[in-house]
Amino acid sequence: MGAIASGCVWGASGVLLFSHNHPAQIAALSIVLAGIAAGGVTTLSSVWWIAIGFVLPILLPLKLSFCFRARRFLF
């Protein structure tokens, strides 16, 4: 349960720190969250449902932020 709660906190940081006015900040945030998710998968891979419970709350909010705010990134 602690890993899932930690994933939720990291996912919330992806939403709260997502600033569509600063593309460099978005790139850095994406790299950090992807690295945390990758590290969680390797660490928690022995119990697959905990690994999924850690990774999905991290990556889904970031993906949804990209999808809903994609018009801001078009040139």
PDB file of N, CA and C in Angstrom:
ATOM      1  N   MET A   1       0.803  -1.201   0.000  1.00  0.00           N
ATOM      2  CA  MET A   1       0.000   0.000   0.000  1.00  0.00           C
ATOM      3  C   MET A   1       0.845   1.263   0.000  1.00  0.00           C
ATOM      4  N   GLY A   2       2.010   1.192   0.616  1.00  0.00           N
ATOM      5  CA  GLY A   2       2.883   2.359   0.646  1.00  0.00           C
ATOM      6  C   GLY A   2       3.398   2.722  -0.731  1.00  0.00           C
ATOM      7  N   ALA A   3       3.677   1.716  -1.556  1.00  0.00           N
ATOM      8  CA  ALA A   3       4.165   1.988  -2.919  1.00  0.00           C
ATOM      9  C   ALA A   3       3.077   2.629  -3.764  1.00  0.00           C
ATOM     10  N   ILE A   4       1.856   2.186  -3.589  1.00  0.00           N
ATOM     11  CA  ILE A   4       0.746   2.759  -4.348  1.00  0.00           C
ATOM     12  C   ILE A   4       0.493   4.199  -3.905  1.00  0.00           C
ATOM     13  N   ALA A   5       0.559   4.453  -2.614  1.00  0.00           N
ATOM     14  CA  ALA A   5       0.399   5.820  -2.113  1.00  0.00           C
ATOM     15  C   ALA A   5       1.529   6.718  -2.608  1.00  0.00           C
ATOM     16  N   SER A   6       2.739   6.179  -2.645  1.00  0.00           N
ATOM     17  CA  SER A   6       3.867   6.950  -3.161  1.00  0.00           C
ATOM     18  C   SER A   6       3.681   7.275  -4.641  1.00  0.00           C
ATOM     19  N   GLY A   7       3.166   6.315  -5.408  1.00  0.00           N
ATOM     20  CA  GLY A   7       2.875   6.573  -6.812  1.00  0.00           C
ATOM     21  C   GLY A   7       1.836   7.660  -6.996  1.00  0.00           C
ATOM     22  N   CYS A   8       0.843   7.679  -6.114  1.00  0.00           N
ATOM     23  CA  CYS A   8      -0.188   8.719  -6.179  1.00  0.00           C
ATOM     24  C   CYS A   8       0.384  10.099  -5.870  1.00  0.00           C
ATOM     25  N   VAL A   9       1.303  10.158  -4.924  1.00  0.00           N
ATOM     26  CA  VAL A   9       1.930  11.443  -4.591  1.00  0.00           C
ATOM     27  C   VAL A   9       2.783  11.936  -5.755  1.00  0.00           C
ATOM     28  N   TRP A  10       3.564  11.046  -6.365  1.00  0.00           N
ATOM     29  CA  TRP A  10       4.367  11.440  -7.522  1.00  0.00           C
ATOM     30  C   TRP A  10       3.468  11.842  -8.683  1.00  0.00           C
ATOM     31  N   GLY A  11       2.366  11.155  -8.879  1.00  0.00           N
ATOM     32  CA  GLY A  11       1.427  11.522  -9.934  1.00  0.00           C
ATOM     33  C   GLY A  11       0.803  12.885  -9.699  1.00  0.00           C
ATOM     34  N   ALA A  12       0.497  13.182  -8.451  1.00  0.00           N
ATOM     35  CA  ALA A  12      -0.043  14.506  -8.125  1.00  0.00           C
ATOM     36  C   ALA A  12       0.986  15.589  -8.392  1.00  0.00           C
ATOM     37  N   SER A  13       2.244  15.294  -8.135  1.00  0.00           N
ATOM     38  CA  SER A  13       3.279  16.299  -8.422  1.00  0.00           C
ATOM     39  C   SER A  13       3.389  16.545  -9.920  1.00  0.00           C
ATOM     40  N   GLY A  14       3.131  15.509 -10.726  1.00  0.00           N
ATOM     41  CA  GLY A  14       3.140  15.707 -12.170  1.00  0.00           C
ATOM     42  C   GLY A  14       2.050  16.635 -12.640  1.00  0.00           C
ATOM     43  N   VAL A  15       0.910  16.601 -11.985  1.00  0.00           N
ATOM     44  CA  VAL A  15      -0.196  17.484 -12.355  1.00  0.00           C
ATOM     45  C   VAL A  15       0.016  18.887 -11.787  1.00  0.00           C
ATOM     46  N   LEU A  16       0.436  18.962 -10.547  1.00  0.00           N
ATOM     47  CA  LEU A  16       0.577  20.268  -9.900  1.00  0.00           C
ATOM     48  C   LEU A  16       1.758  21.077 -10.435  1.00  0.00           C
ATOM     49  N   LEU A  17       2.803  20.400 -10.863  1.00  0.00           N
ATOM     50  CA  LEU A  17       3.989  21.103 -11.358  1.00  0.00           C
ATOM     51  C   LEU A  17       3.990  21.292 -12.868  1.00  0.00           C
ATOM     52  N   PHE A  18       2.956  20.830 -13.546  1.00  0.00           N
ATOM     53  CA  PHE A  18       2.867  20.934 -15.002  1.00  0.00           C
ATOM     54  C   PHE A  18       2.525  22.367 -15.376  1.00  0.00           C
ATOM     55  N   SER A  19       3.493  23.059 -15.932  1.00  0.00           N
ATOM     56  CA  SER A  19       3.294  24.450 -16.334  1.00  0.00           C
ATOM     57  C   SER A  19       3.431  24.540 -17.846  1.00  0.00           C
ATOM     58  N   HIS A  20       2.327  24.746 -18.549  1.00  0.00           N
ATOM     59  CA  HIS A  20       2.364  24.727 -20.004  1.00  0.00           C
ATOM     60  C   HIS A  20       3.055  25.947 -20.602  1.00  0.00           C
ATOM     61  N   ASN A  21       3.466  26.893 -19.787  1.00  0.00           N
ATOM     62  CA  ASN A  21       4.173  28.070 -20.285  1.00  0.00           C
ATOM     63  C   ASN A  21       5.669  27.854 -20.416  1.00  0.00           C
ATOM     64  N   HIS A  22       6.189  26.793 -19.823  1.00  0.00           N
ATOM     65  CA  HIS A  22       7.632  26.542 -19.808  1.00  0.00           C
ATOM     66  C   HIS A  22       7.932  25.149 -20.367  1.00  0.00           C
ATOM     67  N   PRO A  23       8.222  25.046 -21.649  1.00  0.00           N
ATOM     68  CA  PRO A  23       8.484  23.729 -22.250  1.00  0.00           C
ATOM     69  C   PRO A  23       9.695  23.013 -21.653  1.00  0.00           C
ATOM     70  N   ALA A  24      10.716  23.732 -21.258  1.00  0.00           N
ATOM     71  CA  ALA A  24      11.891  23.092 -20.657  1.00  0.00           C
ATOM     72  C   ALA A  24      11.535  22.458 -19.310  1.00  0.00           C
ATOM     73  N   GLN A  25      10.681  23.106 -18.555  1.00  0.00           N
ATOM     74  CA  GLN A  25      10.247  22.552 -17.276  1.00  0.00           C
ATOM     75  C   GLN A  25       9.402  21.295 -17.495  1.00  0.00           C
ATOM     76  N   ILE A  26       8.594  21.296 -18.518  1.00  0.00           N
ATOM     77  CA  ILE A  26       7.779  20.113 -18.829  1.00  0.00           C
ATOM     78  C   ILE A  26       8.675  18.949 -19.234  1.00  0.00           C
ATOM     79  N   ALA A  27       9.699  19.241 -20.027  1.00  0.00           N
ATOM     80  CA  ALA A  27      10.631  18.179 -20.444  1.00  0.00           C
ATOM     81  C   ALA A  27      11.357  17.593 -19.234  1.00  0.00           C
ATOM     82  N   ALA A  28      11.832  18.449 -18.344  1.00  0.00           N
ATOM     83  CA  ALA A  28      12.531  17.965 -17.152  1.00  0.00           C
ATOM     84  C   ALA A  28      11.597  17.165 -16.252  1.00  0.00           C
ATOM     85  N   LEU A  29      10.376  17.635 -16.071  1.00  0.00           N
ATOM     86  CA  LEU A  29       9.400  16.914 -15.254  1.00  0.00           C
ATOM     87  C   LEU A  29       9.078  15.547 -15.853  1.00  0.00           C
ATOM     88  N   SER A  30       8.945  15.484 -17.165  1.00  0.00           N
ATOM     89  CA  SER A  30       8.663  14.217 -17.832  1.00  0.00           C
ATOM     90  C   SER A  30       9.811  13.234 -17.661  1.00  0.00           C
ATOM     91  N   ILE A  31      11.036  13.713 -17.783  1.00  0.00           N
ATOM     92  CA  ILE A  31      12.204  12.844 -17.621  1.00  0.00           C
ATOM     93  C   ILE A  31      12.298  12.330 -16.192  1.00  0.00           C
ATOM     94  N   VAL A  32      12.075  13.194 -15.229  1.00  0.00           N
ATOM     95  CA  VAL A  32      12.146  12.778 -13.822  1.00  0.00           C
ATOM     96  C   VAL A  32      11.070  11.746 -13.499  1.00  0.00           C
ATOM     97  N   LEU A  33       9.844  12.002 -13.923  1.00  0.00           N
ATOM     98  CA  LEU A  33       8.763  11.058 -13.623  1.00  0.00           C
ATOM     99  C   LEU A  33       8.945   9.730 -14.361  1.00  0.00           C
ATOM    100  N   ALA A  34       9.459   9.772 -15.585  1.00  0.00           N
ATOM    101  CA  ALA A  34       9.729   8.524 -16.305  1.00  0.00           C
ATOM    102  C   ALA A  34      10.844   7.736 -15.619  1.00  0.00           C
ATOM    103  N   GLY A  35      11.850   8.431 -15.112  1.00  0.00           N
ATOM    104  CA  GLY A  35      12.924   7.751 -14.383  1.00  0.00           C
ATOM    105  C   GLY A  35      12.443   7.132 -13.086  1.00  0.00           C
ATOM    106  N   ILE A  36      11.590   7.840 -12.378  1.00  0.00           N
ATOM    107  CA  ILE A  36      11.037   7.292 -11.130  1.00  0.00           C
ATOM    108  C   ILE A  36      10.179   6.068 -11.426  1.00  0.00           C
ATOM    109  N   ALA A  37       9.384   6.142 -12.492  1.00  0.00           N
ATOM    110  CA  ALA A  37       8.554   4.991 -12.866  1.00  0.00           C
ATOM    111  C   ALA A  37       9.418   3.805 -13.282  1.00  0.00           C
ATOM    112  N   ALA A  38      10.478   4.063 -14.038  1.00  0.00           N
ATOM    113  CA  ALA A  38      11.365   2.974 -14.463  1.00  0.00           C
ATOM    114  C   ALA A  38      12.071   2.338 -13.273  1.00  0.00           C
ATOM    115  N   GLY A  39      12.513   3.152 -12.343  1.00  0.00           N
ATOM    116  CA  GLY A  39      13.131   2.612 -11.135  1.00  0.00           C
ATOM    117  C   GLY A  39      12.153   1.812 -10.299  1.00  0.00           C
ATOM    118  N   GLY A  40      10.911   2.256 -10.247  1.00  0.00           N
ATOM    119  CA  GLY A  40       9.891   1.523  -9.505  1.00  0.00           C
ATOM    120  C   GLY A  40       9.569   0.180 -10.132  1.00  0.00           C
ATOM    121  N   VAL A  41       9.574   0.127 -11.457  1.00  0.00           N
ATOM    122  CA  VAL A  41       9.293  -1.139 -12.137  1.00  0.00           C
ATOM    123  C   VAL A  41      10.384  -2.156 -11.820  1.00  0.00           C
ATOM    124  N   THR A  42      11.633  -1.742 -11.871  1.00  0.00           N
ATOM    125  CA  THR A  42      12.712  -2.692 -11.595  1.00  0.00           C
ATOM    126  C   THR A  42      12.724  -3.121 -10.131  1.00  0.00           C
ATOM    127  N   THR A  43      12.395  -2.217  -9.239  1.00  0.00           N
ATOM    128  CA  THR A  43      12.407  -2.545  -7.817  1.00  0.00           C
ATOM    129  C   THR A  43      11.197  -3.396  -7.414  1.00  0.00           C
ATOM    130  N   LEU A  44      10.058  -3.077  -7.967  1.00  0.00           N
ATOM    131  CA  LEU A  44       8.809  -3.727  -7.552  1.00  0.00           C
ATOM    132  C   LEU A  44       8.349  -4.823  -8.506  1.00  0.00           C
ATOM    133  N   SER A  45       9.204  -5.274  -9.405  1.00  0.00           N
ATOM    134  CA  SER A  45       8.779  -6.233 -10.426  1.00  0.00           C
ATOM    135  C   SER A  45       8.452  -7.617  -9.872  1.00  0.00           C
ATOM    136  N   SER A  46       8.864  -7.917  -8.666  1.00  0.00           N
ATOM    137  CA  SER A  46       8.553  -9.232  -8.101  1.00  0.00           C
ATOM    138  C   SER A  46       7.072  -9.378  -7.773  1.00  0.00           C
ATOM    139  N   VAL A  47       6.403  -8.278  -7.509  1.00  0.00           N
ATOM    140  CA  VAL A  47       4.957  -8.291  -7.261  1.00  0.00           C
ATOM    141  C   VAL A  47       4.336  -7.362  -8.305  1.00  0.00           C
ATOM    142  N   TRP A  48       3.796  -7.943  -9.368  1.00  0.00           N
ATOM    143  CA  TRP A  48       3.389  -7.175 -10.538  1.00  0.00           C
ATOM    144  C   TRP A  48       2.281  -6.174 -10.244  1.00  0.00           C
ATOM    145  N   TRP A  49       1.345  -6.508  -9.383  1.00  0.00           N
ATOM    146  CA  TRP A  49       0.233  -5.587  -9.148  1.00  0.00           C
ATOM    147  C   TRP A  49       0.663  -4.365  -8.347  1.00  0.00           C
ATOM    148  N   ILE A  50       1.684  -4.511  -7.527  1.00  0.00           N
ATOM    149  CA  ILE A  50       2.212  -3.339  -6.825  1.00  0.00           C
ATOM    150  C   ILE A  50       2.991  -2.457  -7.792  1.00  0.00           C
ATOM    151  N   ALA A  51       3.737  -3.093  -8.703  1.00  0.00           N
ATOM    152  CA  ALA A  51       4.471  -2.315  -9.706  1.00  0.00           C
ATOM    153  C   ALA A  51       3.509  -1.510 -10.579  1.00  0.00           C
ATOM    154  N   ILE A  52       2.417  -2.133 -10.993  1.00  0.00           N
ATOM    155  CA  ILE A  52       1.417  -1.416 -11.789  1.00  0.00           C
ATOM    156  C   ILE A  52       0.751  -0.323 -10.966  1.00  0.00           C
ATOM    157  N   GLY A  53       0.481  -0.615  -9.694  1.00  0.00           N
ATOM    158  CA  GLY A  53      -0.109   0.380  -8.811  1.00  0.00           C
ATOM    159  C   GLY A  53       0.804   1.548  -8.524  1.00  0.00           C
ATOM    160  N   PHE A  54       2.098   1.359  -8.695  1.00  0.00           N
ATOM    161  CA  PHE A  54       3.052   2.454  -8.515  1.00  0.00           C
ATOM    162  C   PHE A  54       3.213   3.257  -9.799  1.00  0.00           C
ATOM    163  N   VAL A  55       3.293   2.578 -10.929  1.00  0.00           N
ATOM    164  CA  VAL A  55       3.606   3.246 -12.191  1.00  0.00           C
ATOM    165  C   VAL A  55       2.406   3.977 -12.788  1.00  0.00           C
ATOM    166  N   LEU A  56       1.244   3.373 -12.768  1.00  0.00           N
ATOM    167  CA  LEU A  56       0.077   4.001 -13.396  1.00  0.00           C
ATOM    168  C   LEU A  56      -0.289   5.358 -12.789  1.00  0.00           C
ATOM    169  N   PRO A  57      -0.315   5.505 -11.465  1.00  0.00           N
ATOM    170  CA  PRO A  57      -0.630   6.835 -10.930  1.00  0.00           C
ATOM    171  C   PRO A  57       0.426   7.889 -11.257  1.00  0.00           C
ATOM    172  N   ILE A  58       1.644   7.455 -11.581  1.00  0.00           N
ATOM    173  CA  ILE A  58       2.682   8.418 -11.949  1.00  0.00           C
ATOM    174  C   ILE A  58       2.508   8.876 -13.387  1.00  0.00           C
ATOM    175  N   LEU A  59       2.313   7.931 -14.294  1.00  0.00           N
ATOM    176  CA  LEU A  59       2.346   8.256 -15.716  1.00  0.00           C
ATOM    177  C   LEU A  59       1.003   8.692 -16.301  1.00  0.00           C
ATOM    178  N   LEU A  60      -0.101   8.189 -15.789  1.00  0.00           N
ATOM    179  CA  LEU A  60      -1.395   8.554 -16.366  1.00  0.00           C
ATOM    180  C   LEU A  60      -1.744  10.035 -16.214  1.00  0.00           C
ATOM    181  N   PRO A  61      -1.554  10.663 -15.063  1.00  0.00           N
ATOM    182  CA  PRO A  61      -1.870  12.094 -14.981  1.00  0.00           C
ATOM    183  C   PRO A  61      -0.999  12.949 -15.910  1.00  0.00           C
ATOM    184  N   LEU A  62       0.261  12.554 -16.056  1.00  0.00           N
ATOM    185  CA  LEU A  62       1.143  13.293 -16.959  1.00  0.00           C
ATOM    186  C   LEU A  62       0.686  13.128 -18.402  1.00  0.00           C
ATOM    187  N   LYS A  63       0.312  11.907 -18.771  1.00  0.00           N
ATOM    188  CA  LYS A  63      -0.183  11.659 -20.122  1.00  0.00           C
ATOM    189  C   LYS A  63      -1.461  12.436 -20.385  1.00  0.00           C
ATOM    190  N   LEU A  64      -2.364  12.441 -19.431  1.00  0.00           N
ATOM    191  CA  LEU A  64      -3.616  13.185 -19.601  1.00  0.00           C
ATOM    192  C   LEU A  64      -3.354  14.685 -19.690  1.00  0.00           C
ATOM    193  N   SER A  65      -2.389  15.175 -18.942  1.00  0.00           N
ATOM    194  CA  SER A  65      -2.035  16.598 -19.033  1.00  0.00           C
ATOM    195  C   SER A  65      -1.516  16.925 -20.428  1.00  0.00           C
ATOM    196  N   PHE A  66      -0.711  16.045 -20.988  1.00  0.00           N
ATOM    197  CA  PHE A  66      -0.227  16.257 -22.350  1.00  0.00           C
ATOM    198  C   PHE A  66      -1.375  16.207 -23.361  1.00  0.00           C
ATOM    199  N   CYS A  67      -2.292  15.276 -23.185  1.00  0.00           N
ATOM    200  CA  CYS A  67      -3.390  15.130 -24.140  1.00  0.00           C
ATOM    201  C   CYS A  67      -4.350  16.308 -24.103  1.00  0.00           C
ATOM    202  N   PHE A  68      -4.692  16.769 -22.919  1.00  0.00           N
ATOM    203  CA  PHE A  68      -5.666  17.844 -22.810  1.00  0.00           C
ATOM    204  C   PHE A  68      -5.085  19.215 -23.078  1.00  0.00           C
ATOM    205  N   ARG A  69      -3.794  19.364 -22.931  1.00  0.00           N
ATOM    206  CA  ARG A  69      -3.162  20.650 -23.170  1.00  0.00           C
ATOM    207  C   ARG A  69      -2.259  20.627 -24.393  1.00  0.00           C
ATOM    208  N   ALA A  70      -2.513  19.721 -25.298  1.00  0.00           N
ATOM    209  CA  ALA A  70      -1.637  19.545 -26.468  1.00  0.00           C
ATOM    210  C   ALA A  70      -1.699  20.742 -27.405  1.00  0.00           C
ATOM    211  N   ARG A  71      -2.787  21.448 -27.436  1.00  0.00           N
ATOM    212  CA  ARG A  71      -2.895  22.598 -28.332  1.00  0.00           C
ATOM    213  C   ARG A  71      -1.903  23.695 -27.981  1.00  0.00           C
ATOM    214  N   ARG A  72      -1.492  23.760 -26.732  1.00  0.00           N
ATOM    215  CA  ARG A  72      -0.538  24.783 -26.295  1.00  0.00           C
ATOM    216  C   ARG A  72       0.862  24.505 -26.820  1.00  0.00           C
ATOM    217  N   PHE A  73       1.158  23.248 -27.197  1.00  0.00           N
ATOM    218  CA  PHE A  73       2.482  22.908 -27.637  1.00  0.00           C
ATOM    219  C   PHE A  73       2.658  22.996 -29.143  1.00  0.00           C
ATOM    220  N   LEU A  74       1.573  23.199 -29.852  1.00  0.00           N
ATOM    221  CA  LEU A  74       1.678  23.306 -31.305  1.00  0.00           C
ATOM    222  C   LEU A  74       2.238  24.663 -31.682  1.00  0.00           C
ATOM    223  N   PHE A  75       3.023  24.666 -32.708  1.00  0.00           N
ATOM    224  CA  PHE A  75       3.644  25.928 -33.127  1.00  0.00           C
ATOM    225  C   PHE A  75       2.817  26.600 -34.204  1.00  0.00           C
TER     226      PHE A  75
END
